[in-house]
């Protein structure tokens, strides 16, 4: 053998992990192209929580904003309501000696008050839906039969509750406070279904609703203390804020 021949090649040892087995590639630990970890359970597709972005102060601000933005139509609506009340008062004065006629006038006044109450709520919902307030809405009968039935049922339940140490009556008034909003907003609901919906809505959002009602009470008291004139602003702000509360806590869109 020539001394100039190269030494024989040595065998290359197999990679770790067993003879002939390729080592698995090392996953990247960061940087471009790295696959992010999966989201935690329940992250994707989770339903929104009712009232997650709601606050009573925001509801009040919304009510004030919409009151000032619809000041003309709201003042016209107030004048219409005042005129209607004056008419009934004058008629009642002249027929006060006739019990039958007086009763019929009182009954008509009560029915008109039902129409007006439902119309006010419908008008507030219209504003939250981006429509202008039409004063005629306040005097347009809407689901009048259902409104009357709901009013009678709530009135009876509240009266019985007040007899039972007052607190049950307050609870009835609290849990049924959104009945008209459900009646005016959901055409498919009748009186009893609207009362049930109001109960569930108030129960599920009790904290937010209580805070809003307390803020509404303060607003009303302040308006009343301003020689009563402040109620011209306080009451529309409360009604519009309540409509905002109803819509927002139901996860429904509200017009800016």
Protein backbone atom coordinates (compact mmCIF):
# COMPACT_ATOMS: atom_id res chain seq x y z
CA UNK A 1 0.00 0.00 0.00
CA UNK A 2 1.31 3.38 -0.91
CA UNK A 3 1.98 5.71 1.93
CA UNK A 4 0.35 8.50 -0.09
CA UNK A 5 -3.12 6.93 -0.06
CA UNK A 6 -5.76 8.77 2.06
CA UNK A 7 -7.00 7.04 5.19
CA UNK A 8 -10.26 5.12 4.87
CA UNK A 9 -13.45 7.10 5.57
CA UNK A 10 -14.91 6.65 9.05
CA UNK A 11 -18.68 5.82 9.34
CA UNK A 12 -20.88 8.74 10.37
CA UNK A 13 -22.70 8.02 13.68
CA UNK A 14 -26.53 8.05 13.48
CA UNK A 15 -28.43 10.99 14.98
CA UNK A 16 -29.65 10.76 18.53
CA UNK A 17 -32.95 9.05 19.07
CA UNK A 18 -32.13 5.73 17.49
CA UNK A 19 -30.23 4.46 14.48
CA UNK A 20 -31.56 5.88 11.25
CA UNK A 21 -34.29 7.94 12.98
CA UNK A 22 -34.42 11.62 12.10
CA UNK A 23 -34.73 14.07 14.97
CA UNK A 24 -38.01 16.01 14.98
CA UNK A 25 -37.66 19.65 14.03
CA UNK A 26 -37.49 22.04 16.93
CA UNK A 27 -40.63 24.20 17.02
CA UNK A 28 -40.06 27.93 16.81
CA UNK A 29 -40.14 29.80 20.08
CA UNK A 30 -41.00 33.15 18.68
CA UNK A 31 -40.67 35.48 15.77
CA UNK A 32 -42.20 35.71 12.36
CA UNK A 33 -44.28 32.75 11.28
CA UNK A 34 -44.95 31.43 14.75
CA UNK A 35 -48.46 30.03 15.21
CA UNK A 36 -50.25 31.74 18.12
CA UNK A 37 -51.71 29.61 20.90
CA UNK A 38 -55.43 28.79 20.68
CA UNK A 39 -57.84 31.09 22.51
CA UNK A 40 -59.14 30.05 25.92
CA UNK A 41 -62.32 28.00 26.05
CA UNK A 42 -65.48 30.02 25.53
CA UNK A 43 -63.66 32.93 23.88
CA UNK A 44 -64.88 32.44 20.32
CA UNK A 45 -68.58 32.79 19.71
CA UNK A 46 -69.45 33.75 23.29
CA UNK A 47 -72.75 35.66 23.39
CA UNK A 48 -72.63 39.30 24.52
CA UNK A 49 -73.56 39.95 28.10
CA UNK A 50 -76.59 42.19 28.54
CA UNK A 51 -75.70 45.66 29.76
CA UNK A 52 -71.96 45.12 29.42
CA UNK A 53 -71.41 48.67 28.14
CA UNK A 54 -74.30 50.25 30.02
CA UNK A 55 -74.14 52.83 32.78
CA UNK A 56 -76.84 54.96 34.38
CA UNK A 57 -74.83 58.13 33.79
CA UNK A 58 -74.62 57.32 30.08
CA UNK A 59 -78.40 56.78 30.01
CA UNK A 60 -78.93 60.17 31.66
CA UNK A 61 -76.56 61.89 29.23
CA UNK A 62 -78.35 60.23 26.33
CA UNK A 63 -81.72 61.41 27.65
CA UNK A 64 -80.44 64.98 27.99
CA UNK A 65 -78.87 64.92 24.54
CA UNK A 66 -82.06 63.70 22.89
CA UNK A 67 -84.20 66.12 24.89
CA UNK A 68 -82.20 69.12 23.72
CA UNK A 69 -81.95 67.72 20.19
CA UNK A 70 -85.74 67.28 19.93
CA UNK A 71 -86.69 70.27 22.06
CA UNK A 72 -89.21 71.74 19.61
CA UNK A 73 -91.24 68.56 19.08
CA UNK A 74 -91.09 67.66 22.78
CA UNK A 75 -92.41 71.09 23.80
CA UNK A 76 -95.23 70.76 21.25
CA UNK A 77 -96.05 67.33 22.68
CA UNK A 78 -96.13 68.79 26.21
CA UNK A 79 -98.48 71.55 25.09
CA UNK A 80 -100.77 68.97 23.49
CA UNK A 81 -100.87 66.94 26.70
CA UNK A 82 -101.56 70.02 28.82
CA UNK A 83 -104.36 71.08 26.46
CA UNK A 84 -105.98 67.64 26.67
CA UNK A 85 -105.86 67.70 30.46
CA UNK A 86 -107.35 71.20 30.56
CA UNK A 87 -110.23 70.12 28.33
CA UNK A 88 -111.08 67.20 30.62
CA UNK A 89 -110.84 69.39 33.72
CA UNK A 90 -113.18 72.00 32.24
CA UNK A 91 -115.71 69.41 31.08
CA UNK A 92 -115.59 67.67 34.48
CA UNK A 93 -116.27 70.98 36.22
CA UNK A 94 -119.42 71.68 34.23
CA UNK A 95 -120.86 68.16 34.62
CA UNK A 96 -119.88 67.63 38.26
CA UNK A 97 -123.55 67.58 39.35
CA UNK A 98 -124.33 64.59 37.15
CA UNK A 99 -122.75 61.46 38.61
CA UNK A 100 -123.31 59.36 35.50
CA UNK A 101 -121.85 61.93 33.13
CA UNK A 102 -119.05 62.65 35.58
CA UNK A 103 -118.24 58.93 35.74
CA UNK A 104 -118.21 58.65 31.96
CA UNK A 105 -115.91 61.68 31.71
CA UNK A 106 -113.58 60.15 34.29
CA UNK A 107 -113.58 56.86 32.39
CA UNK A 108 -112.81 58.65 29.13
CA UNK A 109 -110.04 60.60 30.85
CA UNK A 110 -108.53 57.36 32.16
CA UNK A 111 -108.60 55.73 28.73
CA UNK A 112 -107.00 58.80 27.17
CA UNK A 113 -104.30 58.66 29.86
CA UNK A 114 -103.61 55.06 28.81
CA UNK A 115 -103.30 56.18 25.19
CA UNK A 116 -101.00 59.03 26.16
CA UNK A 117 -98.82 56.84 28.38
CA UNK A 118 -98.35 54.29 25.61
CA UNK A 119 -97.78 57.08 23.07
CA UNK A 120 -95.07 58.67 25.22
CA UNK A 121 -93.23 55.36 25.46
CA UNK A 122 -93.63 54.74 21.72
CA UNK A 123 -92.32 58.23 20.99
CA UNK A 124 -89.27 57.68 23.21
CA UNK A 125 -88.55 54.37 21.46
CA UNK A 126 -88.89 56.12 18.10
CA UNK A 127 -86.16 58.56 19.12
CA UNK A 128 -83.83 55.75 20.22
CA UNK A 129 -84.44 54.16 16.81
CA UNK A 130 -83.41 57.31 14.96
CA UNK A 131 -86.86 58.67 14.11
CA UNK A 132 -88.17 62.11 14.95
CA UNK A 133 -90.86 62.51 17.58
CA UNK A 134 -94.28 63.06 16.04
CA UNK A 135 -96.62 64.71 18.60
CA UNK A 136 -99.54 62.85 16.99
CA UNK A 137 -98.02 59.61 18.28
CA UNK A 138 -98.98 60.62 21.82
CA UNK A 139 -102.68 60.59 20.99
CA UNK A 140 -102.71 57.63 18.61
CA UNK A 141 -104.17 54.45 20.19
CA UNK A 142 -101.62 51.66 20.01
CA UNK A 143 -102.52 48.20 21.34
CA UNK A 144 -105.04 49.96 23.56
CA UNK A 145 -106.74 46.76 24.72
CA UNK A 146 -103.43 45.21 25.80
CA UNK A 147 -102.36 48.46 27.48
CA UNK A 148 -105.61 48.61 29.47
CA UNK A 149 -105.40 44.94 30.49
CA UNK A 150 -101.77 45.32 31.58
CA UNK A 151 -102.57 48.49 33.49
CA UNK A 152 -105.48 46.87 35.34
CA UNK A 153 -103.50 43.74 36.22
CA UNK A 154 -100.50 45.73 37.45
CA UNK A 155 -102.76 48.11 39.38
CA UNK A 156 -104.52 45.25 41.18
CA UNK A 157 -101.26 43.46 41.97
CA UNK A 158 -99.65 46.67 43.22
CA UNK A 159 -102.67 47.49 45.40
CA UNK A 160 -102.64 44.03 46.98
CA UNK A 161 -98.89 44.32 47.47
CA UNK A 162 -99.22 47.64 49.30
CA UNK A 163 -101.81 46.08 51.61
CA UNK A 164 -99.24 43.37 52.40
CA UNK A 165 -96.83 45.65 54.29
CA UNK A 166 -96.02 47.98 51.34
CA UNK A 167 -92.79 46.27 50.26
CA UNK A 168 -94.51 43.69 48.00
CA UNK A 169 -96.29 46.55 46.25
CA UNK A 170 -92.99 48.31 45.62
CA UNK A 171 -91.56 45.08 44.22
CA UNK A 172 -94.52 44.69 41.86
CA UNK A 173 -94.08 48.26 40.62
CA UNK A 174 -90.35 47.68 40.18
CA UNK A 175 -90.54 44.42 38.26
CA UNK A 176 -93.36 45.57 35.96
CA UNK A 177 -91.88 49.00 35.20
CA UNK A 178 -90.84 48.06 31.65
CA UNK A 179 -94.16 46.47 30.64
CA UNK A 180 -95.19 49.36 28.38
CA UNK A 181 -91.79 49.36 26.69
CA UNK A 182 -92.17 45.68 25.78
CA UNK A 183 -95.76 46.23 24.63
CA UNK A 184 -94.80 49.13 22.38
CA UNK A 185 -91.57 47.60 21.11
CA UNK A 186 -92.68 44.00 20.53
CA UNK A 187 -95.87 43.78 18.42
CA UNK A 188 -96.19 40.05 19.09
CA UNK A 189 -96.46 40.43 22.87
CA UNK A 190 -99.76 40.68 24.70
CA UNK A 191 -100.37 42.14 28.13
CA UNK A 192 -99.43 39.09 30.21
CA UNK A 193 -96.39 38.25 28.06
CA UNK A 194 -95.18 41.85 28.33
CA UNK A 195 -95.51 41.73 32.13
CA UNK A 196 -93.52 38.47 32.18
CA UNK A 197 -90.88 39.99 29.88
CA UNK A 198 -90.60 43.04 32.13
CA UNK A 199 -90.15 40.79 35.17
CA UNK A 200 -87.37 38.77 33.53
CA UNK A 201 -85.67 41.87 32.15
CA UNK A 202 -85.68 43.66 35.50
CA UNK A 203 -84.58 40.55 37.39
CA UNK A 204 -81.65 39.94 35.03
CA UNK A 205 -80.53 43.59 35.14
CA UNK A 206 -81.59 44.47 38.69
CA UNK A 207 -78.37 46.29 39.61
CA UNK A 208 -78.36 48.58 36.59
CA UNK A 209 -82.10 49.23 36.79
CA UNK A 210 -81.95 50.15 40.49
CA UNK A 211 -79.11 52.61 39.89
CA UNK A 212 -81.01 54.15 36.97
CA UNK A 213 -84.21 54.49 39.00
CA UNK A 214 -82.31 56.18 41.85
CA UNK A 215 -80.73 58.61 39.39
CA UNK A 216 -84.16 59.22 37.86
CA UNK A 217 -85.59 59.96 41.31
CA UNK A 218 -82.84 62.50 41.98
CA UNK A 219 -83.50 64.10 38.58
CA UNK A 220 -87.22 64.35 39.30
CA UNK A 221 -86.65 65.86 42.75
CA UNK A 222 -84.24 68.46 41.37
CA UNK A 223 -86.70 69.34 38.60
CA UNK A 224 -89.53 69.65 41.10
CA UNK A 225 -87.48 71.89 43.39
CA UNK A 226 -86.87 74.31 40.52
CA UNK A 227 -90.37 75.71 40.99
CA UNK A 228 -91.75 72.74 39.09
CA UNK A 229 -90.55 74.22 35.80
CA UNK A 230 -87.57 71.89 35.87
CA UNK A 231 -89.95 68.97 35.37
CA UNK A 232 -90.40 70.10 31.76
CA UNK A 233 -86.84 68.90 31.24
CA UNK A 234 -86.60 66.27 33.98
CA UNK A 235 -89.51 64.08 32.87
CA UNK A 236 -88.49 63.83 29.16
CA UNK A 237 -84.88 63.12 30.20
CA UNK A 238 -86.08 60.32 32.49
CA UNK A 239 -88.37 58.80 29.83
CA UNK A 240 -85.70 58.95 27.12
CA UNK A 241 -83.08 57.57 29.50
CA UNK A 242 -85.41 54.72 30.40
CA UNK A 243 -85.92 53.93 26.70
CA UNK A 244 -82.13 53.91 26.31
CA UNK A 245 -81.83 51.62 29.32
CA UNK A 246 -84.42 49.25 27.86
CA UNK A 247 -82.75 49.12 24.45
CA UNK A 248 -79.16 48.86 25.67
CA UNK A 249 -79.75 46.20 28.31
CA UNK A 250 -81.66 44.20 25.67
CA UNK A 251 -78.56 44.39 23.44
CA UNK A 252 -80.52 46.33 20.79
CA UNK A 253 -78.98 49.13 18.71
CA UNK A 254 -79.59 52.71 19.81
CA UNK A 255 -79.44 55.70 17.48
CA UNK A 256 -76.59 58.06 18.37
